[in-house]
Amino acid sequence: MKFTKEMRSQFSHPFNLLAVCILFVGACVTKEKPLPIFGERELVGTDTVYHRIAPFQFVDQDSALVSNTTFQDKIYVADFFFTSCRTICPIMKTQMVRVYEATKEMPDVLLLSHTIDPEYDTVALLHDFAERLGVESKRWHFVTGSKDSIYKIAQTSYFATAMEDKSEPDGFIHSGAFLLIDKKGRIRGKYDGTKEEEVNRLIVDIKRLRSTNGI
């Protein structure tokens, strides 16, 4: 843009210069759309009530109880796996370690991995698995519980596939999804945990969610 002598004269006044700067900055700033909220919603009076993760209680790799309260006022990323999985799980865990590393300076972000083979994946085995990954239980919970409870919460709360299937090589079938949950227990994103570009998008969305205080 070419500035004329008259324009330079106008901009020399402090007030005019400030006004122009504000105008330019305002034109360059674009407001991002908020992340979507997944699941059914209903109108209660004048309020919209969104789908939330149902109450749960599992046991993690340190034998500690893990429930919704553990994630109160926290953003978290959830997935479903099993330690003997030879197909997508190793890729998923490599990608989840990336999320773990990317959020190490974010105290309000946690990770939650549910085993879908609780008969084999004991607390001791999950503890060993977490140690081999080199992760802290206070930031990344590997949980086990009753098979029915795990499958139910996967399918009805997280909208994720998790079930036994004897026709599969390892006897189970599950999705490779990473689910982003906000501080109100609502699903704000679903990402393919086997694809680096999808996990890159998840990391960006975690930062976006934090910028709005996790809601």
C-alpha atoms as a PDB file:
ATOM      1  CA  MET A   1       0.000   0.000   0.000  1.00  0.00           C
ATOM      2  CA  LYS A   2       1.434   3.410  -1.040  1.00  0.00           C
ATOM      3  CA  PHE A   3       1.104   6.208   1.528  1.00  0.00           C
ATOM      4  CA  THR A   4       0.474   9.724   0.232  1.00  0.00           C
ATOM      5  CA  LYS A   5       1.811  12.870   1.835  1.00  0.00           C
ATOM      6  CA  GLU A   6      -1.660  13.601   3.242  1.00  0.00           C
ATOM      7  CA  MET A   7      -1.935  10.094   4.744  1.00  0.00           C
ATOM      8  CA  ARG A   8       1.501  10.409   6.383  1.00  0.00           C
ATOM      9  CA  SER A   9       0.403  13.736   7.838  1.00  0.00           C
ATOM     10  CA  GLN A  10      -2.737  12.147   9.310  1.00  0.00           C
ATOM     11  CA  PHE A  11      -0.807   9.206  10.768  1.00  0.00           C
ATOM     12  CA  SER A  12       1.646  11.557  12.458  1.00  0.00           C
ATOM     13  CA  HIS A  13      -1.079  12.426  14.966  1.00  0.00           C
ATOM     14  CA  PRO A  14      -0.851   9.880  17.862  1.00  0.00           C
ATOM     15  CA  PHE A  15      -4.599   9.339  18.076  1.00  0.00           C
ATOM     16  CA  ASN A  16      -4.969   8.722  14.355  1.00  0.00           C
ATOM     17  CA  LEU A  17      -2.019   6.339  14.347  1.00  0.00           C
ATOM     18  CA  LEU A  18      -3.528   4.349  17.234  1.00  0.00           C
ATOM     19  CA  ALA A  19      -6.873   4.121  15.453  1.00  0.00           C
ATOM     20  CA  VAL A  20      -5.241   2.805  12.287  1.00  0.00           C
ATOM     21  CA  CYS A  21      -3.236   0.206  14.228  1.00  0.00           C
ATOM     22  CA  ILE A  22      -6.365  -1.033  15.983  1.00  0.00           C
ATOM     23  CA  LEU A  23      -8.159  -1.244  12.639  1.00  0.00           C
ATOM     24  CA  PHE A  24      -5.360  -3.279  11.054  1.00  0.00           C
ATOM     25  CA  VAL A  25      -5.094  -5.659  14.026  1.00  0.00           C
ATOM     26  CA  GLY A  26      -8.853  -6.145  14.113  1.00  0.00           C
ATOM     27  CA  ALA A  27      -8.924  -6.990  10.431  1.00  0.00           C
ATOM     28  CA  CYS A  28      -6.242  -9.648  10.865  1.00  0.00           C
ATOM     29  CA  VAL A  29      -7.794 -11.413  13.870  1.00  0.00           C
ATOM     30  CA  THR A  30     -10.263 -14.166  13.003  1.00  0.00           C
ATOM     31  CA  LYS A  31     -12.340 -15.786  15.683  1.00  0.00           C
ATOM     32  CA  GLU A  32     -12.026 -19.579  15.731  1.00  0.00           C
ATOM     33  CA  LYS A  33     -15.175 -21.642  15.892  1.00  0.00           C
ATOM     34  CA  PRO A  34     -15.544 -23.576  19.156  1.00  0.00           C
ATOM     35  CA  LEU A  35     -14.938 -27.321  19.021  1.00  0.00           C
ATOM     36  CA  PRO A  36     -18.110 -29.350  18.388  1.00  0.00           C
ATOM     37  CA  ILE A  37     -19.889 -31.227  21.183  1.00  0.00           C
ATOM     38  CA  PHE A  38     -20.587 -34.848  20.261  1.00  0.00           C
ATOM     39  CA  GLY A  39     -23.677 -36.882  21.129  1.00  0.00           C
ATOM     40  CA  GLU A  40     -27.359 -36.316  21.688  1.00  0.00           C
ATOM     41  CA  ARG A  41     -28.634 -33.200  23.374  1.00  0.00           C
ATOM     42  CA  GLU A  42     -31.936 -32.246  24.919  1.00  0.00           C
ATOM     43  CA  LEU A  43     -33.653 -29.057  25.938  1.00  0.00           C
ATOM     44  CA  VAL A  44     -34.391 -28.808  29.664  1.00  0.00           C
ATOM     45  CA  GLY A  45     -36.349 -25.630  30.226  1.00  0.00           C
ATOM     46  CA  THR A  46     -34.287 -23.006  28.471  1.00  0.00           C
ATOM     47  CA  ASP A  47     -31.003 -24.914  28.840  1.00  0.00           C
ATOM     48  CA  THR A  48     -29.434 -27.336  26.360  1.00  0.00           C
ATOM     49  CA  VAL A  49     -28.120 -30.466  28.091  1.00  0.00           C
ATOM     50  CA  TYR A  50     -25.363 -32.278  26.192  1.00  0.00           C
ATOM     51  CA  HIS A  51     -24.252 -35.907  26.291  1.00  0.00           C
ATOM     52  CA  ARG A  52     -21.667 -36.564  29.009  1.00  0.00           C
ATOM     53  CA  ILE A  53     -19.490 -39.496  29.996  1.00  0.00           C
ATOM     54  CA  ALA A  54     -21.471 -41.668  32.424  1.00  0.00           C
ATOM     55  CA  PRO A  55     -20.222 -42.168  36.011  1.00  0.00           C
ATOM     56  CA  PHE A  56     -17.483 -44.812  36.175  1.00  0.00           C
ATOM     57  CA  GLN A  57     -15.042 -46.393  38.605  1.00  0.00           C
ATOM     58  CA  PHE A  58     -12.029 -48.426  37.560  1.00  0.00           C
ATOM     59  CA  VAL A  59      -8.625 -49.364  39.014  1.00  0.00           C
ATOM     60  CA  ASP A  60      -5.382 -48.066  37.544  1.00  0.00           C
ATOM     61  CA  GLN A  61      -1.822 -49.417  37.301  1.00  0.00           C
ATOM     62  CA  ASP A  62      -1.084 -48.285  40.882  1.00  0.00           C
ATOM     63  CA  SER A  63      -4.199 -50.038  42.292  1.00  0.00           C
ATOM     64  CA  ALA A  64      -5.787 -46.609  42.810  1.00  0.00           C
ATOM     65  CA  LEU A  65      -9.482 -46.026  42.173  1.00  0.00           C
ATOM     66  CA  VAL A  66     -10.092 -43.885  39.112  1.00  0.00           C
ATOM     67  CA  SER A  67     -13.488 -42.260  38.598  1.00  0.00           C
ATOM     68  CA  ASN A  68     -15.101 -39.166  37.132  1.00  0.00           C
ATOM     69  CA  THR A  69     -13.849 -37.304  40.208  1.00  0.00           C
ATOM     70  CA  THR A  70     -10.266 -38.011  39.107  1.00  0.00           C
ATOM     71  CA  PHE A  71     -10.953 -35.909  36.019  1.00  0.00           C
ATOM     72  CA  GLN A  72     -12.921 -33.150  37.699  1.00  0.00           C
ATOM     73  CA  ASP A  73     -11.864 -29.798  36.199  1.00  0.00           C
ATOM     74  CA  LYS A  74      -9.546 -31.658  33.823  1.00  0.00           C
ATOM     75  CA  ILE A  75      -9.383 -32.112  30.083  1.00  0.00           C
ATOM     76  CA  TYR A  76      -8.542 -35.691  29.169  1.00  0.00           C
ATOM     77  CA  VAL A  77      -7.929 -37.982  26.217  1.00  0.00           C
ATOM     78  CA  ALA A  78      -9.406 -41.497  26.374  1.00  0.00           C
ATOM     79  CA  ASP A  79      -8.807 -44.651  24.352  1.00  0.00           C
ATOM     80  CA  PHE A  80      -9.322 -48.439  24.455  1.00  0.00           C
ATOM     81  CA  PHE A  81      -6.578 -51.031  23.996  1.00  0.00           C
ATOM     82  CA  PHE A  82      -5.102 -54.268  25.373  1.00  0.00           C
ATOM     83  CA  THR A  83      -1.479 -55.052  26.087  1.00  0.00           C
ATOM     84  CA  SER A  84      -1.275 -58.241  23.983  1.00  0.00           C
ATOM     85  CA  CYS A  85      -2.681 -56.522  20.888  1.00  0.00           C
ATOM     86  CA  ARG A  86      -0.409 -56.999  17.877  1.00  0.00           C
ATOM     87  CA  THR A  87      -2.292 -54.878  15.354  1.00  0.00           C
ATOM     88  CA  ILE A  88      -3.169 -51.218  15.974  1.00  0.00           C
ATOM     89  CA  CYS A  89      -2.371 -50.882  19.696  1.00  0.00           C
ATOM     90  CA  PRO A  90       1.413 -50.474  19.355  1.00  0.00           C
ATOM     91  CA  ILE A  91       0.841 -47.643  16.859  1.00  0.00           C
ATOM     92  CA  MET A  92      -1.790 -46.075  19.125  1.00  0.00           C
ATOM     93  CA  LYS A  93       0.493 -46.132  22.138  1.00  0.00           C
ATOM     94  CA  THR A  94       3.341 -44.565  20.160  1.00  0.00           C
ATOM     95  CA  GLN A  95       0.973 -41.770  19.179  1.00  0.00           C
ATOM     96  CA  MET A  96      -0.458 -41.398  22.695  1.00  0.00           C
ATOM     97  CA  VAL A  97       3.088 -41.007  24.026  1.00  0.00           C
ATOM     98  CA  ARG A  98       3.333 -38.032  21.654  1.00  0.00           C
ATOM     99  CA  VAL A  99       0.229 -36.547  23.295  1.00  0.00           C
ATOM    100  CA  TYR A 100       1.733 -37.263  26.727  1.00  0.00           C
ATOM    101  CA  GLU A 101       4.942 -35.443  25.806  1.00  0.00           C
ATOM    102  CA  ALA A 102       3.107 -32.544  24.152  1.00  0.00           C
ATOM    103  CA  THR A 103       1.009 -31.940  27.284  1.00  0.00           C
ATOM    104  CA  LYS A 104       3.688 -32.344  29.960  1.00  0.00           C
ATOM    105  CA  GLU A 105       3.488 -28.636  30.816  1.00  0.00           C
ATOM    106  CA  MET A 106      -0.324 -28.742  30.971  1.00  0.00           C
ATOM    107  CA  PRO A 107      -1.364 -29.788  34.509  1.00  0.00           C
ATOM    108  CA  ASP A 108      -5.046 -29.750  33.573  1.00  0.00           C
ATOM    109  CA  VAL A 109      -4.643 -32.427  30.860  1.00  0.00           C
ATOM    110  CA  LEU A 110      -4.689 -36.170  31.644  1.00  0.00           C
ATOM    111  CA  LEU A 111      -4.787 -39.422  29.634  1.00  0.00           C
ATOM    112  CA  LEU A 112      -7.020 -42.456  30.252  1.00  0.00           C
ATOM    113  CA  SER A 113      -6.462 -45.845  28.591  1.00  0.00           C
ATOM    114  CA  HIS A 114      -8.974 -48.665  29.230  1.00  0.00           C
ATOM    115  CA  THR A 115      -7.952 -52.279  28.707  1.00  0.00           C
ATOM    116  CA  ILE A 116     -10.607 -54.321  26.907  1.00  0.00           C
ATOM    117  CA  ASP A 117      -8.985 -57.565  28.097  1.00  0.00           C
ATOM    118  CA  PRO A 118      -9.210 -57.215  31.893  1.00  0.00           C
ATOM    119  CA  GLU A 119      -8.795 -60.962  32.479  1.00  0.00           C
ATOM    120  CA  TYR A 120      -5.283 -60.853  31.054  1.00  0.00           C
ATOM    121  CA  ASP A 121      -4.354 -57.234  31.768  1.00  0.00           C
ATOM    122  CA  THR A 122      -3.970 -57.325  35.541  1.00  0.00           C
ATOM    123  CA  VAL A 123      -3.009 -54.299  37.596  1.00  0.00           C
ATOM    124  CA  ALA A 124       0.557 -55.621  37.808  1.00  0.00           C
ATOM    125  CA  LEU A 125       0.741 -56.053  34.048  1.00  0.00           C
ATOM    126  CA  LEU A 126      -0.626 -52.556  33.415  1.00  0.00           C
ATOM    127  CA  HIS A 127       1.923 -51.193  35.903  1.00  0.00           C
ATOM    128  CA  ASP A 128       4.727 -52.911  34.005  1.00  0.00           C
ATOM    129  CA  PHE A 129       3.323 -51.675  30.692  1.00  0.00           C
ATOM    130  CA  ALA A 130       3.261 -48.058  31.923  1.00  0.00           C
ATOM    131  CA  GLU A 131       6.796 -48.375  33.295  1.00  0.00           C
ATOM    132  CA  ARG A 132       8.067 -49.634  29.956  1.00  0.00           C
ATOM    133  CA  LEU A 133       6.512 -46.590  28.296  1.00  0.00           C
ATOM    134  CA  GLY A 134       8.206 -44.395  30.912  1.00  0.00           C
ATOM    135  CA  VAL A 135       5.039 -42.514  31.902  1.00  0.00           C
ATOM    136  CA  GLU A 136       3.695 -41.272  35.242  1.00  0.00           C
ATOM    137  CA  SER A 137       0.442 -42.627  36.638  1.00  0.00           C
ATOM    138  CA  LYS A 138      -0.600 -39.193  37.890  1.00  0.00           C
ATOM    139  CA  ARG A 139      -0.827 -38.062  34.260  1.00  0.00           C
ATOM    140  CA  TRP A 140      -1.682 -41.258  32.375  1.00  0.00           C
ATOM    141  CA  HIS A 141      -4.028 -43.803  33.932  1.00  0.00           C
ATOM    142  CA  PHE A 142      -4.168 -47.344  32.549  1.00  0.00           C
ATOM    143  CA  VAL A 143      -7.350 -48.820  33.972  1.00  0.00           C
ATOM    144  CA  THR A 144      -9.020 -52.184  34.323  1.00  0.00           C
ATOM    145  CA  GLY A 145     -12.372 -53.320  35.695  1.00  0.00           C
ATOM    146  CA  SER A 146     -15.241 -55.613  34.866  1.00  0.00           C
ATOM    147  CA  LYS A 147     -15.449 -56.456  31.185  1.00  0.00           C
ATOM    148  CA  ASP A 148     -19.120 -55.501  30.995  1.00  0.00           C
ATOM    149  CA  SER A 149     -18.479 -52.068  32.539  1.00  0.00           C
ATOM    150  CA  ILE A 150     -15.611 -51.328  30.165  1.00  0.00           C
ATOM    151  CA  TYR A 151     -17.528 -52.411  27.067  1.00  0.00           C
ATOM    152  CA  LYS A 152     -20.635 -50.501  28.123  1.00  0.00           C
ATOM    153  CA  ILE A 153     -18.858 -47.219  28.749  1.00  0.00           C
ATOM    154  CA  ALA A 154     -16.938 -47.594  25.495  1.00  0.00           C
ATOM    155  CA  GLN A 155     -20.073 -48.056  23.437  1.00  0.00           C
ATOM    156  CA  THR A 156     -22.602 -45.848  25.214  1.00  0.00           C
ATOM    157  CA  SER A 157     -20.451 -43.023  26.611  1.00  0.00           C
ATOM    158  CA  TYR A 158     -17.479 -42.715  24.263  1.00  0.00           C
ATOM    159  CA  PHE A 159     -19.223 -44.077  21.139  1.00  0.00           C
ATOM    160  CA  ALA A 160     -16.218 -46.356  20.602  1.00  0.00           C
ATOM    161  CA  THR A 161     -16.040 -49.991  19.517  1.00  0.00           C
ATOM    162  CA  ALA A 162     -14.784 -52.430  22.173  1.00  0.00           C
ATOM    163  CA  MET A 163     -15.792 -56.094  22.278  1.00  0.00           C
ATOM    164  CA  GLU A 164     -14.656 -59.689  22.062  1.00  0.00           C
ATOM    165  CA  ASP A 165     -14.519 -61.175  18.591  1.00  0.00           C
ATOM    166  CA  LYS A 166     -13.052 -64.659  18.256  1.00  0.00           C
ATOM    167  CA  SER A 167     -12.735 -64.206  14.511  1.00  0.00           C
ATOM    168  CA  GLU A 168     -10.095 -61.508  15.072  1.00  0.00           C
ATOM    169  CA  PRO A 169      -6.420 -62.565  15.319  1.00  0.00           C
ATOM    170  CA  ASP A 170      -6.132 -61.466  18.972  1.00  0.00           C
ATOM    171  CA  GLY A 171      -9.746 -62.230  19.957  1.00  0.00           C
ATOM    172  CA  PHE A 172     -10.929 -58.618  20.323  1.00  0.00           C
ATOM    173  CA  ILE A 173     -12.063 -55.751  18.179  1.00  0.00           C
ATOM    174  CA  HIS A 174     -11.807 -52.095  19.104  1.00  0.00           C
ATOM    175  CA  SER A 175     -11.549 -48.731  17.443  1.00  0.00           C
ATOM    176  CA  GLY A 176      -8.318 -46.796  17.229  1.00  0.00           C
ATOM    177  CA  ALA A 177     -10.062 -43.610  18.296  1.00  0.00           C
ATOM    178  CA  PHE A 178      -8.666 -41.049  20.705  1.00  0.00           C
ATOM    179  CA  LEU A 179     -11.518 -39.122  22.377  1.00  0.00           C
ATOM    180  CA  LEU A 180     -11.035 -35.564  23.631  1.00  0.00           C
ATOM    181  CA  ILE A 181     -13.141 -34.872  26.739  1.00  0.00           C
ATOM    182  CA  ASP A 182     -13.684 -31.405  28.171  1.00  0.00           C
ATOM    183  CA  LYS A 183     -13.896 -30.314  31.813  1.00  0.00           C
ATOM    184  CA  LYS A 184     -17.648 -30.916  31.809  1.00  0.00           C
ATOM    185  CA  GLY A 185     -17.265 -34.539  30.688  1.00  0.00           C
ATOM    186  CA  ARG A 186     -18.399 -33.871  27.113  1.00  0.00           C
ATOM    187  CA  ILE A 187     -16.795 -35.316  23.965  1.00  0.00           C
ATOM    188  CA  ARG A 188     -15.223 -32.490  21.953  1.00  0.00           C
ATOM    189  CA  GLY A 189     -13.268 -34.445  19.355  1.00  0.00           C
ATOM    190  CA  LYS A 190     -12.635 -37.887  17.874  1.00  0.00           C
ATOM    191  CA  TYR A 191      -9.312 -38.692  16.190  1.00  0.00           C
ATOM    192  CA  ASP A 192      -7.719 -41.716  14.535  1.00  0.00           C
ATOM    193  CA  GLY A 193      -4.973 -42.690  16.954  1.00  0.00           C
ATOM    194  CA  THR A 194      -3.118 -44.613  14.254  1.00  0.00           C
ATOM    195  CA  LYS A 195      -2.500 -41.559  12.063  1.00  0.00           C
ATOM    196  CA  GLU A 196       0.126 -38.950  12.929  1.00  0.00           C
ATOM    197  CA  GLU A 197      -1.733 -36.114  11.198  1.00  0.00           C
ATOM    198  CA  GLU A 198      -4.892 -36.878  13.197  1.00  0.00           C
ATOM    199  CA  VAL A 199      -2.936 -36.842  16.449  1.00  0.00           C
ATOM    200  CA  ASN A 200      -1.333 -33.551  15.403  1.00  0.00           C
ATOM    201  CA  ARG A 201      -4.856 -32.167  15.077  1.00  0.00           C
ATOM    202  CA  LEU A 202      -5.733 -33.547  18.527  1.00  0.00           C
ATOM    203  CA  ILE A 203      -2.760 -31.768  20.105  1.00  0.00           C
ATOM    204  CA  VAL A 204      -3.817 -28.495  18.476  1.00  0.00           C
ATOM    205  CA  ASP A 205      -7.413 -29.010  19.660  1.00  0.00           C
ATOM    206  CA  ILE A 206      -6.257 -29.625  23.242  1.00  0.00           C
ATOM    207  CA  LYS A 207      -4.598 -26.213  23.158  1.00  0.00           C
ATOM    208  CA  ARG A 208      -7.737 -24.679  21.653  1.00  0.00           C
ATOM    209  CA  LEU A 209      -9.857 -26.226  24.400  1.00  0.00           C
ATOM    210  CA  ARG A 210      -7.500 -24.977  27.096  1.00  0.00           C
ATOM    211  CA  SER A 211      -7.751 -21.475  25.661  1.00  0.00           C
ATOM    212  CA  THR A 212     -11.453 -21.509  26.589  1.00  0.00           C
ATOM    213  CA  ASN A 213     -10.733 -22.921  30.068  1.00  0.00           C
ATOM    214  CA  GLY A 214     -11.521 -26.462  28.926  1.00  0.00           C
ATOM    215  CA  ILE A 215     -15.240 -25.971  28.271  1.00  0.00           C
END
